[in-house]
Amino acid sequence: MNEVEPGFSVLNAAVPLTNGGFAVVSTAHADLAQVGWHLQPTGYVARSANRRTLLMHRHVAQLAGLQINGMQVDHRNGDRTDNRLENLRVASNAQNARNQTRKQDGATSRFKGVSRARAPGRWQAHIRVNAKNVYLGTFGSEIQAQDAYAAAAIAHFGEFAAPRVERKL
């Protein structure tokens, strides 16, 4: 029996990228491998078409008939090279920003929504909801503060929450 790469199944296809690596699509979209796709510095998979940049995740969503006009196409798992239809969803700008994972300059915690408190050895959690910062409290450990953020993210953002995002410092 052939071994399957972790994260792959027989229902997935790998699309080679011209600058190395690959993107993942559903086998229904395996024909995308016939044109040259590349990985952008932003981490998105793209190609040039008629002097325009075509992003693979938006292209797959359109091929599947999703209505994306004026909306974002979000990667559920945050992996911008995973363009399987089951990993894509239509989202508003606000919904798409809720599971954003990139590190902010000057971050003191490895977790989203957590920072050092003024008191030594203490951590605080906060979340942004409807354009307002919501203070969740001060905690004795970074993990406790992260747990508070995770609970609030799930409560406020539902399926768009990214409750356990560890950032690279």
C-alpha atoms as a PDB file:
ATOM      1  CA  MET A   1       0.000   0.000   0.000  1.00  0.00           C
ATOM      2  CA  ASN A   2       1.285   3.477  -0.833  1.00  0.00           C
ATOM      3  CA  GLU A   3       2.081   5.710   2.096  1.00  0.00           C
ATOM      4  CA  VAL A   4       0.145   8.974   2.211  1.00  0.00           C
ATOM      5  CA  GLU A   5       1.888  12.139   3.351  1.00  0.00           C
ATOM      6  CA  PRO A   6       0.462  13.477   6.672  1.00  0.00           C
ATOM      7  CA  GLY A   7      -2.383  15.909   5.929  1.00  0.00           C
ATOM      8  CA  PHE A   8      -2.996  14.306   2.527  1.00  0.00           C
ATOM      9  CA  SER A   9      -5.521  11.788   1.375  1.00  0.00           C
ATOM     10  CA  VAL A  10      -6.329  10.218  -1.946  1.00  0.00           C
ATOM     11  CA  LEU A  11      -8.844  13.070  -2.334  1.00  0.00           C
ATOM     12  CA  ASN A  12      -6.057  15.673  -2.359  1.00  0.00           C
ATOM     13  CA  ALA A  13      -3.615  16.676  -5.065  1.00  0.00           C
ATOM     14  CA  ALA A  14      -0.302  18.496  -4.832  1.00  0.00           C
ATOM     15  CA  VAL A  15       0.273  21.424  -7.188  1.00  0.00           C
ATOM     16  CA  PRO A  16       4.005  22.109  -7.676  1.00  0.00           C
ATOM     17  CA  LEU A  17       5.061  25.729  -7.275  1.00  0.00           C
ATOM     18  CA  THR A  18       7.571  27.265  -9.660  1.00  0.00           C
ATOM     19  CA  ASN A  19       9.661  28.644  -6.783  1.00  0.00           C
ATOM     20  CA  GLY A  20       9.709  25.398  -4.816  1.00  0.00           C
ATOM     21  CA  GLY A  21       7.269  23.555  -2.613  1.00  0.00           C
ATOM     22  CA  PHE A  22       3.678  22.770  -3.431  1.00  0.00           C
ATOM     23  CA  ALA A  23       0.086  23.752  -2.734  1.00  0.00           C
ATOM     24  CA  VAL A  24      -2.693  21.332  -1.835  1.00  0.00           C
ATOM     25  CA  VAL A  25      -6.011  21.230  -3.695  1.00  0.00           C
ATOM     26  CA  SER A  26      -8.892  18.769  -3.871  1.00  0.00           C
ATOM     27  CA  THR A  27      -8.523  16.234  -6.689  1.00  0.00           C
ATOM     28  CA  ALA A  28     -11.426  17.982  -8.423  1.00  0.00           C
ATOM     29  CA  HIS A  29      -9.017  20.891  -8.961  1.00  0.00           C
ATOM     30  CA  ALA A  30      -5.905  18.851  -9.772  1.00  0.00           C
ATOM     31  CA  ASP A  31      -5.822  20.358 -13.263  1.00  0.00           C
ATOM     32  CA  LEU A  32      -4.552  23.580 -11.660  1.00  0.00           C
ATOM     33  CA  ALA A  33      -1.141  21.894 -11.691  1.00  0.00           C
ATOM     34  CA  GLN A  34      -1.030  22.413 -15.466  1.00  0.00           C
ATOM     35  CA  VAL A  35      -0.258  26.115 -15.134  1.00  0.00           C
ATOM     36  CA  GLY A  36       2.602  27.802 -13.290  1.00  0.00           C
ATOM     37  CA  TRP A  37       1.748  28.811  -9.730  1.00  0.00           C
ATOM     38  CA  HIS A  38       4.214  30.406  -7.316  1.00  0.00           C
ATOM     39  CA  LEU A  39       4.370  31.189  -3.619  1.00  0.00           C
ATOM     40  CA  GLN A  40       4.172  34.901  -2.917  1.00  0.00           C
ATOM     41  CA  PRO A  41       6.154  36.502  -0.058  1.00  0.00           C
ATOM     42  CA  THR A  42       2.802  36.832   1.757  1.00  0.00           C
ATOM     43  CA  GLY A  43       2.436  33.043   1.745  1.00  0.00           C
ATOM     44  CA  TYR A  44      -0.418  32.979  -0.773  1.00  0.00           C
ATOM     45  CA  VAL A  45      -0.250  30.870  -3.936  1.00  0.00           C
ATOM     46  CA  ALA A  46      -0.701  32.938  -7.091  1.00  0.00           C
ATOM     47  CA  ARG A  47      -0.086  33.203 -10.805  1.00  0.00           C
ATOM     48  CA  SER A  48      -0.205  35.980 -13.361  1.00  0.00           C
ATOM     49  CA  ALA A  49      -3.097  36.009 -15.815  1.00  0.00           C
ATOM     50  CA  ASN A  50      -3.815  38.846 -18.235  1.00  0.00           C
ATOM     51  CA  ARG A  51      -1.504  41.211 -16.322  1.00  0.00           C
ATOM     52  CA  ARG A  52      -3.356  40.496 -13.083  1.00  0.00           C
ATOM     53  CA  THR A  53      -2.449  38.411 -10.079  1.00  0.00           C
ATOM     54  CA  LEU A  54      -4.777  35.463  -9.613  1.00  0.00           C
ATOM     55  CA  LEU A  55      -4.809  33.996  -6.095  1.00  0.00           C
ATOM     56  CA  MET A  56      -5.353  30.250  -6.016  1.00  0.00           C
ATOM     57  CA  HIS A  57      -7.730  30.217  -3.048  1.00  0.00           C
ATOM     58  CA  ARG A  58     -10.041  32.770  -4.683  1.00  0.00           C
ATOM     59  CA  HIS A  59      -9.837  30.902  -7.999  1.00  0.00           C
ATOM     60  CA  VAL A  60     -10.790  27.579  -6.359  1.00  0.00           C
ATOM     61  CA  ALA A  61     -13.711  29.274  -4.578  1.00  0.00           C
ATOM     62  CA  GLN A  62     -14.951  30.734  -7.862  1.00  0.00           C
ATOM     63  CA  LEU A  63     -14.591  27.387  -9.654  1.00  0.00           C
ATOM     64  CA  ALA A  64     -16.749  25.862  -6.905  1.00  0.00           C
ATOM     65  CA  GLY A  65     -19.433  28.488  -7.463  1.00  0.00           C
ATOM     66  CA  LEU A  66     -18.986  30.354  -4.185  1.00  0.00           C
ATOM     67  CA  GLN A  67     -20.200  33.968  -4.279  1.00  0.00           C
ATOM     68  CA  ILE A  68     -17.117  35.973  -3.300  1.00  0.00           C
ATOM     69  CA  ASN A  69     -17.804  39.446  -4.695  1.00  0.00           C
ATOM     70  CA  GLY A  70     -16.769  41.982  -2.067  1.00  0.00           C
ATOM     71  CA  MET A  71     -15.865  39.198   0.374  1.00  0.00           C
ATOM     72  CA  GLN A  72     -12.692  37.464   1.494  1.00  0.00           C
ATOM     73  CA  VAL A  73     -11.881  33.791   1.029  1.00  0.00           C
ATOM     74  CA  ASP A  74     -10.510  32.500   4.324  1.00  0.00           C
ATOM     75  CA  HIS A  75      -8.358  29.423   4.966  1.00  0.00           C
ATOM     76  CA  ARG A  76      -9.993  27.627   7.909  1.00  0.00           C
ATOM     77  CA  ASN A  77      -6.718  26.120   9.118  1.00  0.00           C
ATOM     78  CA  GLY A  78      -4.631  29.249   8.434  1.00  0.00           C
ATOM     79  CA  ASP A  79      -2.387  27.449   5.925  1.00  0.00           C
ATOM     80  CA  ARG A  80      -2.334  29.643   2.814  1.00  0.00           C
ATOM     81  CA  THR A  81      -1.021  26.788   0.657  1.00  0.00           C
ATOM     82  CA  ASP A  82      -3.924  24.494   1.598  1.00  0.00           C
ATOM     83  CA  ASN A  83      -6.480  25.367  -1.067  1.00  0.00           C
ATOM     84  CA  ARG A  84      -8.764  22.355  -0.729  1.00  0.00           C
ATOM     85  CA  LEU A  85     -12.378  23.464  -1.015  1.00  0.00           C
ATOM     86  CA  GLU A  86     -13.194  22.076   2.446  1.00  0.00           C
ATOM     87  CA  ASN A  87     -10.515  24.382   3.894  1.00  0.00           C
ATOM     88  CA  LEU A  88     -11.935  27.514   2.258  1.00  0.00           C
ATOM     89  CA  ARG A  89     -14.859  29.647   3.387  1.00  0.00           C
ATOM     90  CA  VAL A  90     -16.308  33.006   2.412  1.00  0.00           C
ATOM     91  CA  ALA A  91     -15.823  35.628   5.113  1.00  0.00           C
ATOM     92  CA  SER A  92     -16.262  39.328   5.685  1.00  0.00           C
ATOM     93  CA  ASN A  93     -13.131  41.411   6.340  1.00  0.00           C
ATOM     94  CA  ALA A  94     -13.906  41.357  10.074  1.00  0.00           C
ATOM     95  CA  GLN A  95     -14.412  37.582  10.155  1.00  0.00           C
ATOM     96  CA  ASN A  96     -11.199  37.002   8.217  1.00  0.00           C
ATOM     97  CA  ALA A  97      -9.223  39.213  10.619  1.00  0.00           C
ATOM     98  CA  ARG A  98     -10.453  37.295  13.661  1.00  0.00           C
ATOM     99  CA  ASN A  99      -8.307  34.259  12.988  1.00  0.00           C
ATOM    100  CA  GLN A 100      -5.272  36.260  11.911  1.00  0.00           C
ATOM    101  CA  THR A 101      -2.114  34.708  13.262  1.00  0.00           C
ATOM    102  CA  ARG A 102       0.826  36.839  12.294  1.00  0.00           C
ATOM    103  CA  LYS A 103       2.999  38.264  15.025  1.00  0.00           C
ATOM    104  CA  GLN A 104       2.679  41.928  15.858  1.00  0.00           C
ATOM    105  CA  ASP A 105       5.875  43.888  16.384  1.00  0.00           C
ATOM    106  CA  GLY A 106       6.661  44.351  20.045  1.00  0.00           C
ATOM    107  CA  ALA A 107       4.539  41.406  21.231  1.00  0.00           C
ATOM    108  CA  THR A 108       5.516  40.153  24.682  1.00  0.00           C
ATOM    109  CA  SER A 109       3.637  36.851  24.570  1.00  0.00           C
ATOM    110  CA  ARG A 110       3.780  33.951  22.202  1.00  0.00           C
ATOM    111  CA  PHE A 111      -0.039  33.824  22.259  1.00  0.00           C
ATOM    112  CA  LYS A 112      -2.540  36.003  20.450  1.00  0.00           C
ATOM    113  CA  GLY A 113      -4.501  38.240  22.851  1.00  0.00           C
ATOM    114  CA  VAL A 114      -1.997  37.928  25.699  1.00  0.00           C
ATOM    115  CA  SER A 115       0.616  40.392  26.944  1.00  0.00           C
ATOM    116  CA  ARG A 116       2.679  41.033  30.053  1.00  0.00           C
ATOM    117  CA  ALA A 117       0.885  42.975  32.758  1.00  0.00           C
ATOM    118  CA  ARG A 118       2.550  45.826  34.632  1.00  0.00           C
ATOM    119  CA  ALA A 119       2.735  43.729  37.787  1.00  0.00           C
ATOM    120  CA  PRO A 120       5.827  41.478  37.737  1.00  0.00           C
ATOM    121  CA  GLY A 121       5.121  37.880  36.767  1.00  0.00           C
ATOM    122  CA  ARG A 122       1.528  38.633  35.726  1.00  0.00           C
ATOM    123  CA  TRP A 123      -0.134  38.334  32.314  1.00  0.00           C
ATOM    124  CA  GLN A 124      -3.220  40.018  30.904  1.00  0.00           C
ATOM    125  CA  ALA A 125      -5.673  38.894  28.256  1.00  0.00           C
ATOM    126  CA  HIS A 126      -7.636  41.112  25.921  1.00  0.00           C
ATOM    127  CA  ILE A 127      -9.710  40.698  22.788  1.00  0.00           C
ATOM    128  CA  ARG A 128     -11.030  43.094  20.156  1.00  0.00           C
ATOM    129  CA  VAL A 129     -14.790  42.786  19.583  1.00  0.00           C
ATOM    130  CA  ASN A 130     -16.774  45.121  17.311  1.00  0.00           C
ATOM    131  CA  ALA A 131     -13.870  47.593  17.115  1.00  0.00           C
ATOM    132  CA  LYS A 132     -13.558  47.779  20.918  1.00  0.00           C
ATOM    133  CA  ASN A 133     -10.831  46.327  23.117  1.00  0.00           C
ATOM    134  CA  VAL A 134     -12.264  44.104  25.840  1.00  0.00           C
ATOM    135  CA  TYR A 135     -10.085  43.498  28.888  1.00  0.00           C
ATOM    136  CA  LEU A 136     -10.402  39.892  30.071  1.00  0.00           C
ATOM    137  CA  GLY A 137      -8.343  40.116  33.241  1.00  0.00           C
ATOM    138  CA  THR A 138      -4.900  39.629  34.760  1.00  0.00           C
ATOM    139  CA  PHE A 139      -3.577  36.133  35.395  1.00  0.00           C
ATOM    140  CA  GLY A 140      -0.730  34.403  37.178  1.00  0.00           C
ATOM    141  CA  SER A 141       0.559  32.683  34.059  1.00  0.00           C
ATOM    142  CA  GLU A 142       0.731  33.203  30.332  1.00  0.00           C
ATOM    143  CA  ILE A 143      -1.216  29.950  29.821  1.00  0.00           C
ATOM    144  CA  GLN A 144      -4.068  31.067  32.112  1.00  0.00           C
ATOM    145  CA  ALA A 145      -4.330  34.345  30.201  1.00  0.00           C
ATOM    146  CA  GLN A 146      -4.310  32.424  26.926  1.00  0.00           C
ATOM    147  CA  ASP A 147      -7.111  30.168  28.198  1.00  0.00           C
ATOM    148  CA  ALA A 148      -9.205  33.278  28.945  1.00  0.00           C
ATOM    149  CA  TYR A 149      -8.546  34.629  25.447  1.00  0.00           C
ATOM    150  CA  ALA A 150      -9.436  31.256  23.883  1.00  0.00           C
ATOM    151  CA  ALA A 151     -12.775  31.087  25.723  1.00  0.00           C
ATOM    152  CA  ALA A 152     -13.649  34.672  24.740  1.00  0.00           C
ATOM    153  CA  ALA A 153     -12.627  34.112  21.108  1.00  0.00           C
ATOM    154  CA  ILE A 154     -14.869  31.062  20.809  1.00  0.00           C
ATOM    155  CA  ALA A 155     -17.763  32.873  22.511  1.00  0.00           C
ATOM    156  CA  HIS A 156     -17.492  35.983  20.323  1.00  0.00           C
ATOM    157  CA  PHE A 157     -16.257  34.630  16.990  1.00  0.00           C
ATOM    158  CA  GLY A 158     -17.581  31.072  16.787  1.00  0.00           C
ATOM    159  CA  GLU A 159     -16.161  29.180  13.812  1.00  0.00           C
ATOM    160  CA  PHE A 160     -13.874  32.119  12.921  1.00  0.00           C
ATOM    161  CA  ALA A 161     -12.096  32.031  16.266  1.00  0.00           C
ATOM    162  CA  ALA A 162      -8.415  31.156  16.347  1.00  0.00           C
ATOM    163  CA  PRO A 163      -8.346  30.388  20.050  1.00  0.00           C
ATOM    164  CA  ARG A 164      -4.998  28.638  20.418  1.00  0.00           C
ATOM    165  CA  VAL A 165      -2.676  30.576  18.141  1.00  0.00           C
ATOM    166  CA  GLU A 166       0.939  30.455  19.210  1.00  0.00           C
ATOM    167  CA  ARG A 167       3.009  33.179  17.619  1.00  0.00           C
ATOM    168  CA  LYS A 168       6.615  32.983  16.571  1.00  0.00           C
ATOM    169  CA  LEU A 169       8.567  35.553  18.559  1.00  0.00           C
END
